[in-house]
Structures are given as C-alpha cells and as structure tokens.
Amino acid sequence: MRVAVAADHAGYRLKTVVAAHLADTGHEVLDMGTDSEESVDYPPFCAAAGRAVVDGLADFGVVIGGSGQGEQIAANKVNGVRAALCHDEWMARMARQHNNANVVAFGARVVADARALLILDLFLETEFEGGRHQARIDQLAAIEQQECEKKGAPPA
C-alpha cells in the first residue's frame, strides 16, 4: 500500500515514527514534508498529502500536527479527501467503516507514538462497509461538486 505522510514542525517527530513503521510493515511511504522541527505552516504539506491520495499516487494519507485539528481541516480542503482526526481505535474504525476516510490525522501532542501506530494500523486494515453509508459519501461528493460550481472552479 502507498501512504502519503505529512506533518508540520509539531508533528515532525511522530511523522518519522509513522513513516518508519509503515516502511517496516511493507508499505511504500510518500513523504510530503516537513523535514525538521523548524516552524512551518501546515496547510501546504497536508494539502499535498491529500492531493497524493486524490490523484491516485497514494492509497491513504496521514497528516500530523500538534493537535491534528488544523491538519485535518487543511487536508479536507482538497476535493475528494475525507480526513478524520483519530485519537483512538474506535474513531479510526468508524472513520473507515462509515465514512470511507482516506486520510487520518493525528495530534502528536495528544496521542503517544505506540497508540498512534495501533490506530494507524487499524485505520489501514479496516474496510469501508458501503451499503447505507455509500449514500452519505455520495452526498459529500455532491456538496464538493456544488461548491466547485458555485465558485466557477472546474468540477472534480
């Protein structure tokens, strides 16, 4: 599986842990930055991870910051991304089963490394249930389409 990872300075250390874990478990890692703990703005990095997923370069994305909240929001600005902030296993399971989330967000100041890896593994292993949930995913895509048309942007 190909996984795009991105972080700001607050999430950089956990990003290195996540990337190593992914590589050690046989996944291909696309590192979208940042490359140090030097202060940076997270939106471009998280958008890059989201775009990698939407463009088919990655199967899933991981975005990491101090709380993970801004990173989730930034990734979700990319049409087609369904990023979920997951600080426990139940949230990761629901994000995949019910929302077909394709990007997971972590707060490095909220979740310990070992817990983040458990959550990540569960997120990657959990299948989307489809069924009644697919109608909701279709509605989300319709909202994205409407927003693109409203702003005169080309449809996704």
Protein backbone atom coordinates (compact mmCIF):
# COMPACT_ATOMS: atom_id res chain seq x y z
CA MET A 1 0.00 0.00 0.00
CA ARG A 2 1.22 3.54 -0.75
CA VAL A 3 0.76 6.04 2.06
CA ALA A 4 1.44 9.79 1.85
CA VAL A 5 2.63 11.29 5.14
CA ALA A 6 2.85 14.96 6.03
CA ALA A 7 3.39 17.00 9.17
CA ASP A 8 4.17 20.42 10.47
CA HIS A 9 7.01 21.07 12.92
CA ALA A 10 4.95 19.86 15.90
CA GLY A 11 4.17 16.59 14.16
CA TYR A 12 7.56 16.03 12.56
CA ARG A 13 8.90 13.60 15.16
CA LEU A 14 5.76 11.44 15.10
CA LYS A 15 5.83 11.57 11.29
CA THR A 16 9.28 9.95 11.34
CA VAL A 17 7.97 7.23 13.67
CA VAL A 18 4.91 6.65 11.44
CA ALA A 19 6.97 6.61 8.24
CA ALA A 20 9.44 4.09 9.69
CA HIS A 21 6.59 1.88 10.90
CA LEU A 22 4.90 1.99 7.51
CA ALA A 23 8.13 1.09 5.72
CA ASP A 24 8.89 -1.68 8.22
CA THR A 25 5.45 -3.20 7.61
CA GLY A 26 5.91 -3.23 3.84
CA HIS A 27 4.14 -0.06 2.81
CA GLU A 28 5.55 2.48 0.37
CA VAL A 29 5.88 5.90 2.02
CA LEU A 30 5.50 9.15 0.12
CA ASP A 31 6.97 11.84 2.38
CA MET A 32 5.26 15.16 1.67
CA GLY A 33 7.27 17.06 4.32
CA THR A 34 8.15 18.84 6.53
CA ASP A 35 11.71 17.74 7.12
CA SER A 36 12.52 19.19 10.54
CA GLU A 37 11.13 20.69 13.71
CA GLU A 38 11.69 24.20 12.35
CA SER A 39 8.42 26.14 12.48
CA VAL A 40 6.34 25.88 9.29
CA ASP A 41 2.75 26.38 8.24
CA TYR A 42 0.92 23.06 7.89
CA PRO A 43 -1.64 23.72 5.09
CA PRO A 44 0.64 23.13 2.07
CA PHE A 45 2.01 19.87 3.47
CA CYS A 46 -1.42 18.49 4.38
CA ALA A 47 -2.90 19.54 1.06
CA ALA A 48 -0.03 17.78 -0.72
CA ALA A 49 -0.79 14.55 1.15
CA GLY A 50 -4.47 14.88 0.31
CA ARG A 51 -3.74 15.56 -3.34
CA ALA A 52 -1.50 12.50 -3.50
CA VAL A 53 -4.45 10.39 -2.36
CA VAL A 54 -6.99 12.01 -4.69
CA ASP A 55 -4.59 11.85 -7.65
CA GLY A 56 -4.02 8.13 -7.07
CA LEU A 57 -0.36 8.44 -6.10
CA ALA A 58 -1.20 7.14 -2.63
CA ASP A 59 -3.89 4.83 -1.30
CA PHE A 60 -4.15 6.68 2.01
CA GLY A 61 -2.74 9.74 3.72
CA VAL A 62 -1.54 10.58 7.22
CA VAL A 63 -1.31 14.19 8.42
CA ILE A 64 0.18 15.10 11.78
CA GLY A 65 0.41 18.27 13.83
CA GLY A 66 0.29 19.30 17.45
CA SER A 67 -3.45 18.68 17.84
CA GLY A 68 -4.18 17.30 14.38
CA GLN A 69 -7.18 19.58 14.02
CA GLY A 70 -5.74 22.12 11.60
CA GLU A 71 -4.08 19.35 9.63
CA GLN A 72 -7.40 17.55 9.24
CA ILE A 73 -9.08 20.77 8.11
CA ALA A 74 -6.32 21.52 5.60
CA ALA A 75 -6.46 18.03 4.10
CA ASN A 76 -10.25 18.22 3.87
CA LYS A 77 -10.00 21.33 1.69
CA VAL A 78 -8.86 19.05 -1.15
CA ASN A 79 -11.86 17.78 -3.11
CA GLY A 80 -12.17 14.05 -2.62
CA VAL A 81 -10.35 13.90 0.70
CA ARG A 82 -12.21 12.58 3.70
CA ALA A 83 -9.79 13.20 6.55
CA ALA A 84 -10.62 12.04 10.05
CA LEU A 85 -8.97 13.10 13.29
CA CYS A 86 -8.48 9.84 15.18
CA HIS A 87 -7.13 9.72 18.71
CA ASP A 88 -8.45 6.26 19.48
CA GLU A 89 -9.18 2.98 17.76
CA TRP A 90 -12.96 3.37 17.75
CA MET A 91 -12.74 6.66 15.85
CA ALA A 92 -10.39 5.07 13.30
CA ARG A 93 -12.73 2.12 12.81
CA MET A 94 -15.78 4.34 12.36
CA ALA A 95 -13.90 6.73 10.06
CA ARG A 96 -13.15 3.85 7.69
CA GLN A 97 -16.31 1.73 8.07
CA HIS A 98 -18.86 4.52 7.89
CA ASN A 99 -17.11 7.47 6.23
CA ASN A 100 -14.63 5.75 3.93
CA ALA A 101 -11.99 8.16 5.28
CA ASN A 102 -8.88 8.19 3.11
CA VAL A 103 -6.68 10.38 5.33
CA VAL A 104 -6.08 10.00 9.06
CA ALA A 105 -5.00 12.96 11.19
CA PHE A 106 -3.05 12.68 14.44
CA GLY A 107 -2.18 15.14 17.17
CA ALA A 108 1.40 14.44 18.22
CA ARG A 109 0.77 16.31 21.48
CA VAL A 110 -2.35 14.23 22.13
CA VAL A 111 -1.57 10.62 21.23
CA ALA A 112 1.51 8.61 22.21
CA ASP A 113 3.63 7.04 19.48
CA ALA A 114 2.62 3.44 20.23
CA ARG A 115 -1.07 4.38 20.30
CA ALA A 116 -0.76 6.29 17.04
CA LEU A 117 0.72 3.20 15.36
CA LEU A 118 -2.11 1.00 16.66
CA ILE A 119 -4.66 3.49 15.38
CA LEU A 120 -2.88 3.77 12.05
CA ASP A 121 -2.75 0.01 11.53
CA LEU A 122 -6.45 -0.31 12.36
CA PHE A 123 -7.29 2.57 10.01
CA LEU A 124 -5.39 0.97 7.13
CA GLU A 125 -6.83 -2.51 7.75
CA THR A 126 -10.48 -1.52 8.17
CA GLU A 127 -12.73 -1.83 5.13
CA PHE A 128 -15.49 0.60 4.18
CA GLU A 129 -18.87 -1.04 4.81
CA GLY A 130 -20.60 0.61 1.85
CA GLY A 131 -24.34 -0.04 1.88
CA ARG A 132 -26.29 2.72 3.58
CA HIS A 133 -23.06 4.63 4.15
CA GLN A 134 -22.36 4.97 0.42
CA ALA A 135 -25.33 7.31 0.01
CA ARG A 136 -23.73 9.67 2.54
CA ILE A 137 -20.38 9.56 0.78
CA ASP A 138 -22.21 10.39 -2.46
CA GLN A 139 -23.86 13.34 -0.72
CA LEU A 140 -20.47 14.61 0.43
CA ALA A 141 -19.17 14.39 -3.14
CA ALA A 142 -22.25 16.28 -4.35
CA ILE A 143 -21.57 19.08 -1.85
CA GLU A 144 -17.98 19.33 -3.12
CA GLN A 145 -19.28 19.48 -6.68
CA GLN A 146 -21.77 22.22 -5.79
CA GLU A 147 -19.05 24.27 -4.11
CA CYS A 148 -16.81 23.95 -7.18
CA GLU A 149 -19.61 25.05 -9.48
CA LYS A 150 -20.56 27.93 -7.18
CA LYS A 151 -17.03 29.27 -7.31
CA GLY A 152 -16.66 28.67 -11.02
CA ALA A 153 -13.98 26.05 -10.49
CA PRO A 154 -13.84 23.09 -12.83
CA PRO A 155 -15.62 20.04 -11.44
CA ALA A 156 -13.59 17.35 -9.70
